[in-house]
Amino acid sequence: MIDPSLDLQAAIRERLVNDAGVTALVTPRAIRDGGGRPDDFPTILFGPSQTVLEPITFSRHHVRCFVDLHVWTREVGTVMSKTIAAVAINALTVAPALAGLLDFQVDGVRYLRDPGDLGHAVISISALFEGAR
């Protein structure tokens, strides 16, 4: 099976950049793949991801992809990072149309305290895919 995580990432980004609520808070160019702390704020970065084999059947044609989105803001607290995370989660309530996608969900969000004047939230997403037999 070809790893569907790149298609999933592209579909998530497409959903976010085409949602008026999200783009009212974060410019589309600031929703991107990247690591570490960004230079521009606010930003939504695709962070670590993982694809694992799901032993649902003996045929082993299922994989689950995990994706983390990091929301970064310039603020002492977490008000704006929580606001952006909520709007992004709302934009992701409907599963993208992807070949083989069986299940898609936002698993949760964590709000982190980073040193200085940075707000930080991590949105965790998972998706179950069935591959060709």
N, C-alpha and C. Protein backbone atom coordinates (compact mmCIF):
# COMPACT_ATOMS: atom_id res chain seq x y z
N MET A 1 0.85 -1.19 0.00
CA MET A 1 0.00 0.00 0.00
C MET A 1 0.88 1.24 0.00
N ILE A 2 0.54 2.19 -0.80
CA ILE A 2 1.23 3.47 -0.82
C ILE A 2 0.76 4.28 0.38
N ASP A 3 1.69 4.91 1.05
CA ASP A 3 1.37 5.70 2.24
C ASP A 3 0.46 6.87 1.87
N PRO A 4 -0.75 6.93 2.44
CA PRO A 4 -1.69 8.00 2.09
C PRO A 4 -1.48 9.30 2.86
N SER A 5 -0.41 9.39 3.65
CA SER A 5 -0.27 10.55 4.53
C SER A 5 -0.06 11.87 3.78
N LEU A 6 0.61 11.84 2.64
CA LEU A 6 0.79 13.09 1.88
C LEU A 6 -0.53 13.60 1.32
N ASP A 7 -1.35 12.68 0.80
CA ASP A 7 -2.67 13.07 0.31
C ASP A 7 -3.54 13.59 1.46
N LEU A 8 -3.43 12.96 2.62
CA LEU A 8 -4.19 13.41 3.79
C LEU A 8 -3.75 14.82 4.20
N GLN A 9 -2.45 15.05 4.25
CA GLN A 9 -1.94 16.37 4.61
C GLN A 9 -2.42 17.43 3.62
N ALA A 10 -2.37 17.12 2.33
CA ALA A 10 -2.84 18.07 1.32
C ALA A 10 -4.33 18.36 1.49
N ALA A 11 -5.12 17.35 1.79
CA ALA A 11 -6.56 17.53 1.97
C ALA A 11 -6.86 18.36 3.21
N ILE A 12 -6.12 18.15 4.28
CA ILE A 12 -6.30 18.94 5.50
C ILE A 12 -5.95 20.40 5.23
N ARG A 13 -4.83 20.62 4.57
CA ARG A 13 -4.43 22.00 4.26
C ARG A 13 -5.47 22.67 3.36
N GLU A 14 -5.93 21.95 2.35
CA GLU A 14 -6.94 22.51 1.46
C GLU A 14 -8.19 22.92 2.24
N ARG A 15 -8.61 22.08 3.15
CA ARG A 15 -9.79 22.39 3.96
C ARG A 15 -9.55 23.65 4.79
N LEU A 16 -8.37 23.77 5.39
CA LEU A 16 -8.08 24.92 6.25
C LEU A 16 -7.97 26.22 5.45
N VAL A 17 -7.27 26.18 4.31
CA VAL A 17 -7.08 27.42 3.54
C VAL A 17 -8.35 27.85 2.82
N ASN A 18 -9.33 26.96 2.70
CA ASN A 18 -10.59 27.31 2.06
C ASN A 18 -11.71 27.59 3.06
N ASP A 19 -11.37 27.65 4.33
CA ASP A 19 -12.35 27.95 5.36
C ASP A 19 -12.20 29.42 5.76
N ALA A 20 -13.27 30.20 5.57
CA ALA A 20 -13.22 31.64 5.85
C ALA A 20 -12.92 31.93 7.31
N GLY A 21 -13.40 31.10 8.22
CA GLY A 21 -13.12 31.31 9.64
C GLY A 21 -11.65 31.16 9.97
N VAL A 22 -11.02 30.16 9.36
CA VAL A 22 -9.58 29.93 9.58
C VAL A 22 -8.77 31.06 8.97
N THR A 23 -9.06 31.39 7.71
CA THR A 23 -8.24 32.39 7.02
C THR A 23 -8.49 33.82 7.53
N ALA A 24 -9.55 34.03 8.29
CA ALA A 24 -9.74 35.32 8.95
C ALA A 24 -8.72 35.50 10.07
N LEU A 25 -8.17 34.38 10.56
CA LEU A 25 -7.22 34.42 11.68
C LEU A 25 -5.79 34.08 11.27
N VAL A 26 -5.64 33.25 10.23
CA VAL A 26 -4.31 32.79 9.78
C VAL A 26 -4.28 32.89 8.26
N THR A 27 -3.28 33.58 7.71
CA THR A 27 -3.19 33.69 6.26
C THR A 27 -2.87 32.32 5.65
N PRO A 28 -3.38 32.03 4.46
CA PRO A 28 -3.13 30.72 3.84
C PRO A 28 -1.64 30.38 3.70
N ARG A 29 -0.79 31.36 3.43
CA ARG A 29 0.65 31.06 3.30
C ARG A 29 1.28 30.62 4.63
N ALA A 30 0.59 30.92 5.74
CA ALA A 30 1.09 30.54 7.07
C ALA A 30 0.52 29.20 7.53
N ILE A 31 -0.18 28.50 6.65
CA ILE A 31 -0.66 27.15 6.93
C ILE A 31 0.17 26.24 6.06
N ARG A 32 1.19 25.59 6.65
CA ARG A 32 2.19 24.92 5.83
C ARG A 32 2.89 23.81 6.59
N ASP A 33 3.66 23.05 5.87
CA ASP A 33 4.51 22.02 6.46
C ASP A 33 5.75 22.72 7.01
N GLY A 34 6.19 22.33 8.16
CA GLY A 34 7.38 22.95 8.72
C GLY A 34 7.67 22.43 10.10
N GLY A 35 8.84 22.77 10.59
CA GLY A 35 9.23 22.32 11.91
C GLY A 35 9.72 23.48 12.76
N GLY A 36 9.76 23.26 14.04
CA GLY A 36 10.24 24.27 14.96
C GLY A 36 9.28 25.43 15.11
N ARG A 37 9.75 26.46 15.76
CA ARG A 37 8.94 27.66 15.95
C ARG A 37 9.00 28.51 14.69
N PRO A 38 7.86 29.02 14.26
CA PRO A 38 7.85 29.82 13.04
C PRO A 38 8.37 31.23 13.28
N ASP A 39 8.63 31.94 12.18
CA ASP A 39 9.04 33.35 12.26
C ASP A 39 7.84 34.28 12.21
N ASP A 40 6.77 33.83 11.56
CA ASP A 40 5.56 34.65 11.43
C ASP A 40 4.45 34.08 12.32
N PHE A 41 3.63 34.97 12.84
CA PHE A 41 2.53 34.57 13.71
C PHE A 41 1.26 35.26 13.28
N PRO A 42 0.12 34.64 13.41
CA PRO A 42 -0.08 33.23 13.77
C PRO A 42 0.23 32.31 12.60
N THR A 43 0.54 31.07 12.93
CA THR A 43 0.90 30.05 11.94
C THR A 43 0.30 28.72 12.36
N ILE A 44 -0.07 27.91 11.37
CA ILE A 44 -0.44 26.52 11.61
C ILE A 44 0.56 25.67 10.83
N LEU A 45 1.34 24.88 11.56
CA LEU A 45 2.36 24.04 10.95
C LEU A 45 1.98 22.57 11.05
N PHE A 46 2.21 21.83 9.96
CA PHE A 46 2.08 20.38 10.04
C PHE A 46 3.31 19.88 10.77
N GLY A 47 3.09 19.22 11.88
CA GLY A 47 4.18 18.70 12.68
C GLY A 47 4.40 17.23 12.42
N PRO A 48 4.82 16.50 13.44
CA PRO A 48 5.08 15.07 13.27
C PRO A 48 3.84 14.31 12.80
N SER A 49 4.10 13.29 12.01
CA SER A 49 3.03 12.41 11.58
C SER A 49 3.54 10.98 11.64
N GLN A 50 2.61 10.06 11.55
CA GLN A 50 2.96 8.64 11.63
C GLN A 50 1.93 7.84 10.85
N THR A 51 2.38 6.81 10.17
CA THR A 51 1.49 5.86 9.50
C THR A 51 1.80 4.47 10.04
N VAL A 52 0.77 3.78 10.52
CA VAL A 52 0.97 2.45 11.08
C VAL A 52 0.01 1.46 10.45
N LEU A 53 0.46 0.22 10.36
CA LEU A 53 -0.39 -0.86 9.87
C LEU A 53 -1.46 -1.15 10.90
N GLU A 54 -2.71 -1.25 10.47
CA GLU A 54 -3.83 -1.59 11.36
C GLU A 54 -4.19 -3.05 11.14
N PRO A 55 -4.01 -3.88 12.13
CA PRO A 55 -4.32 -5.32 11.97
C PRO A 55 -5.81 -5.61 12.15
N ILE A 56 -6.64 -4.93 11.36
CA ILE A 56 -8.09 -5.10 11.45
C ILE A 56 -8.51 -6.45 10.88
N THR A 57 -7.87 -6.85 9.78
CA THR A 57 -8.15 -8.13 9.15
C THR A 57 -6.83 -8.83 8.87
N PHE A 58 -6.93 -10.09 8.52
CA PHE A 58 -5.71 -10.83 8.19
C PHE A 58 -5.09 -10.38 6.87
N SER A 59 -5.86 -9.68 6.05
CA SER A 59 -5.34 -9.22 4.77
C SER A 59 -4.35 -8.07 4.91
N ARG A 60 -4.37 -7.38 6.04
CA ARG A 60 -3.43 -6.29 6.33
C ARG A 60 -3.45 -5.20 5.27
N HIS A 61 -4.64 -4.78 4.89
CA HIS A 61 -4.78 -3.73 3.87
C HIS A 61 -5.24 -2.40 4.48
N HIS A 62 -5.04 -2.23 5.77
CA HIS A 62 -5.49 -1.01 6.42
C HIS A 62 -4.31 -0.32 7.11
N VAL A 63 -4.28 1.01 6.99
CA VAL A 63 -3.29 1.79 7.72
C VAL A 63 -4.01 2.96 8.40
N ARG A 64 -3.44 3.38 9.50
CA ARG A 64 -3.95 4.56 10.21
C ARG A 64 -2.86 5.62 10.17
N CYS A 65 -3.25 6.82 9.76
CA CYS A 65 -2.34 7.95 9.72
C CYS A 65 -2.65 8.89 10.88
N PHE A 66 -1.62 9.33 11.54
CA PHE A 66 -1.74 10.31 12.62
C PHE A 66 -1.03 11.58 12.19
N VAL A 67 -1.67 12.72 12.38
CA VAL A 67 -1.12 14.01 11.97
C VAL A 67 -1.30 14.99 13.13
N ASP A 68 -0.26 15.75 13.43
CA ASP A 68 -0.36 16.84 14.41
C ASP A 68 -0.26 18.17 13.69
N LEU A 69 -1.15 19.08 14.03
CA LEU A 69 -1.09 20.46 13.57
C LEU A 69 -0.68 21.33 14.75
N HIS A 70 0.35 22.14 14.56
CA HIS A 70 0.81 23.03 15.61
C HIS A 70 0.33 24.45 15.31
N VAL A 71 -0.42 25.00 16.22
CA VAL A 71 -0.91 26.37 16.12
C VAL A 71 0.02 27.24 16.95
N TRP A 72 0.61 28.25 16.33
CA TRP A 72 1.53 29.15 17.01
C TRP A 72 0.99 30.57 16.96
N THR A 73 1.00 31.24 18.10
CA THR A 73 0.59 32.64 18.17
C THR A 73 1.59 33.42 18.99
N ARG A 74 1.59 34.74 18.79
CA ARG A 74 2.44 35.61 19.60
C ARG A 74 1.54 36.21 20.67
N GLU A 75 1.57 35.62 21.88
CA GLU A 75 0.76 36.07 23.00
C GLU A 75 1.31 35.47 24.28
N VAL A 76 1.04 36.10 25.38
CA VAL A 76 1.51 35.58 26.66
C VAL A 76 0.66 34.40 27.12
N GLY A 77 -0.62 34.41 26.83
CA GLY A 77 -1.52 33.34 27.25
C GLY A 77 -1.84 32.39 26.11
N THR A 78 -3.05 31.85 26.16
CA THR A 78 -3.46 30.87 25.15
C THR A 78 -4.80 31.23 24.49
N VAL A 79 -5.27 32.44 24.69
CA VAL A 79 -6.59 32.81 24.16
C VAL A 79 -6.64 32.69 22.65
N MET A 80 -5.68 33.27 21.95
CA MET A 80 -5.71 33.24 20.48
C MET A 80 -5.40 31.84 19.96
N SER A 81 -4.46 31.12 20.57
CA SER A 81 -4.17 29.76 20.11
C SER A 81 -5.39 28.86 20.30
N LYS A 82 -6.12 29.04 21.39
CA LYS A 82 -7.35 28.26 21.61
C LYS A 82 -8.42 28.65 20.60
N THR A 83 -8.50 29.93 20.27
CA THR A 83 -9.49 30.39 19.30
C THR A 83 -9.20 29.83 17.92
N ILE A 84 -7.95 29.90 17.49
CA ILE A 84 -7.57 29.37 16.17
C ILE A 84 -7.78 27.85 16.14
N ALA A 85 -7.38 27.16 17.20
CA ALA A 85 -7.57 25.71 17.24
C ALA A 85 -9.05 25.35 17.12
N ALA A 86 -9.91 26.06 17.82
CA ALA A 86 -11.35 25.78 17.76
C ALA A 86 -11.90 25.97 16.35
N VAL A 87 -11.49 27.05 15.70
CA VAL A 87 -11.97 27.32 14.34
C VAL A 87 -11.43 26.26 13.37
N ALA A 88 -10.16 25.86 13.53
CA ALA A 88 -9.58 24.83 12.67
C ALA A 88 -10.28 23.49 12.88
N ILE A 89 -10.55 23.14 14.12
CA ILE A 89 -11.26 21.89 14.41
C ILE A 89 -12.64 21.91 13.77
N ASN A 90 -13.31 23.04 13.86
CA ASN A 90 -14.63 23.18 13.23
C ASN A 90 -14.54 22.95 11.72
N ALA A 91 -13.47 23.46 11.09
CA ALA A 91 -13.29 23.29 9.64
C ALA A 91 -13.02 21.83 9.28
N LEU A 92 -12.55 21.06 10.24
CA LEU A 92 -12.18 19.66 9.98
C LEU A 92 -13.23 18.66 10.45
N THR A 93 -14.44 19.12 10.71
CA THR A 93 -15.48 18.21 11.21
C THR A 93 -16.00 17.27 10.13
N VAL A 94 -15.83 17.61 8.87
CA VAL A 94 -16.26 16.75 7.76
C VAL A 94 -15.01 16.11 7.16
N ALA A 95 -15.07 14.80 6.97
CA ALA A 95 -13.93 14.08 6.42
C ALA A 95 -13.65 14.50 4.98
N PRO A 96 -12.39 14.60 4.61
CA PRO A 96 -12.07 14.91 3.21
C PRO A 96 -12.41 13.73 2.31
N ALA A 97 -12.61 14.02 1.05
CA ALA A 97 -12.90 12.97 0.06
C ALA A 97 -11.58 12.42 -0.47
N LEU A 98 -11.15 11.31 0.09
CA LEU A 98 -9.90 10.69 -0.32
C LEU A 98 -10.14 9.21 -0.60
N ALA A 99 -9.47 8.68 -1.60
CA ALA A 99 -9.61 7.26 -1.95
C ALA A 99 -9.22 6.39 -0.76
N GLY A 100 -10.08 5.44 -0.44
CA GLY A 100 -9.80 4.49 0.61
C GLY A 100 -10.02 4.98 2.02
N LEU A 101 -10.42 6.24 2.20
CA LEU A 101 -10.62 6.78 3.55
C LEU A 101 -11.86 6.16 4.18
N LEU A 102 -11.68 5.52 5.32
CA LEU A 102 -12.79 4.89 6.03
C LEU A 102 -13.23 5.69 7.25
N ASP A 103 -12.28 6.36 7.89
CA ASP A 103 -12.60 7.10 9.12
C ASP A 103 -11.64 8.28 9.24
N PHE A 104 -12.16 9.39 9.71
CA PHE A 104 -11.37 10.62 9.88
C PHE A 104 -11.89 11.31 11.12
N GLN A 105 -10.99 11.69 12.01
CA GLN A 105 -11.45 12.40 13.20
C GLN A 105 -10.35 13.26 13.81
N VAL A 106 -10.80 14.32 14.46
CA VAL A 106 -9.92 15.11 15.31
C VAL A 106 -9.93 14.41 16.66
N ASP A 107 -8.77 13.91 17.08
CA ASP A 107 -8.69 13.14 18.32
C ASP A 107 -8.64 14.01 19.56
N GLY A 108 -8.10 15.21 19.41
CA GLY A 108 -8.01 16.09 20.57
C GLY A 108 -7.10 17.27 20.29
N VAL A 109 -7.01 18.13 21.29
CA VAL A 109 -6.14 19.30 21.20
C VAL A 109 -5.48 19.51 22.55
N ARG A 110 -4.21 19.87 22.52
CA ARG A 110 -3.46 20.17 23.74
C ARG A 110 -3.00 21.63 23.67
N TYR A 111 -3.07 22.31 24.79
CA TYR A 111 -2.62 23.69 24.88
C TYR A 111 -1.37 23.70 25.73
N LEU A 112 -0.30 24.24 25.16
CA LEU A 112 1.01 24.18 25.81
C LEU A 112 1.45 25.55 26.29
N ARG A 113 2.25 25.57 27.32
CA ARG A 113 2.86 26.80 27.83
C ARG A 113 4.30 26.84 27.37
N ASP A 114 4.57 27.67 26.39
CA ASP A 114 5.93 27.85 25.92
C ASP A 114 6.53 29.08 26.60
N PRO A 115 7.84 29.10 26.79
CA PRO A 115 8.47 30.26 27.43
C PRO A 115 8.26 31.53 26.60
N GLY A 116 8.16 32.64 27.28
CA GLY A 116 8.05 33.92 26.59
C GLY A 116 6.64 34.23 26.16
N ASP A 117 6.54 34.89 25.03
CA ASP A 117 5.24 35.39 24.57
C ASP A 117 4.67 34.55 23.43
N LEU A 118 4.72 33.23 23.56
CA LEU A 118 4.22 32.36 22.51
C LEU A 118 3.04 31.52 23.01
N GLY A 119 1.94 31.55 22.24
CA GLY A 119 0.84 30.64 22.48
C GLY A 119 1.01 29.44 21.57
N HIS A 120 0.65 28.26 22.05
CA HIS A 120 0.92 27.04 21.29
C HIS A 120 -0.18 26.03 21.57
N ALA A 121 -0.76 25.49 20.51
CA ALA A 121 -1.74 24.42 20.63
C ALA A 121 -1.37 23.33 19.64
N VAL A 122 -1.67 22.08 19.98
CA VAL A 122 -1.41 20.95 19.08
C VAL A 122 -2.71 20.21 18.87
N ILE A 123 -3.15 20.16 17.61
CA ILE A 123 -4.36 19.45 17.23
C ILE A 123 -3.94 18.10 16.67
N SER A 124 -4.48 17.02 17.25
CA SER A 124 -4.15 15.67 16.79
C SER A 124 -5.30 15.08 15.97
N ILE A 125 -4.95 14.55 14.81
CA ILE A 125 -5.92 14.03 13.86
C ILE A 125 -5.52 12.61 13.51
N SER A 126 -6.51 11.74 13.29
CA SER A 126 -6.21 10.40 12.79
C SER A 126 -7.17 10.04 11.66
N ALA A 127 -6.69 9.18 10.77
CA ALA A 127 -7.49 8.74 9.64
C ALA A 127 -7.18 7.28 9.34
N LEU A 128 -8.22 6.51 9.07
CA LEU A 128 -8.08 5.10 8.74
C LEU A 128 -8.31 4.91 7.24
N PHE A 129 -7.39 4.22 6.59
CA PHE A 129 -7.48 3.98 5.15
C PHE A 129 -7.47 2.48 4.86
N GLU A 130 -8.19 2.12 3.82
CA GLU A 130 -8.14 0.77 3.29
C GLU A 130 -7.49 0.84 1.92
N GLY A 131 -6.47 0.01 1.70
CA GLY A 131 -5.77 0.02 0.43
C GLY A 131 -6.33 -0.97 -0.56
N ALA A 132 -5.78 -0.93 -1.74
CA ALA A 132 -6.20 -1.86 -2.79
C ALA A 132 -5.79 -3.28 -2.43
N ARG A 133 -6.58 -4.22 -2.90
CA ARG A 133 -6.27 -5.63 -2.59
C ARG A 133 -5.69 -6.31 -3.79
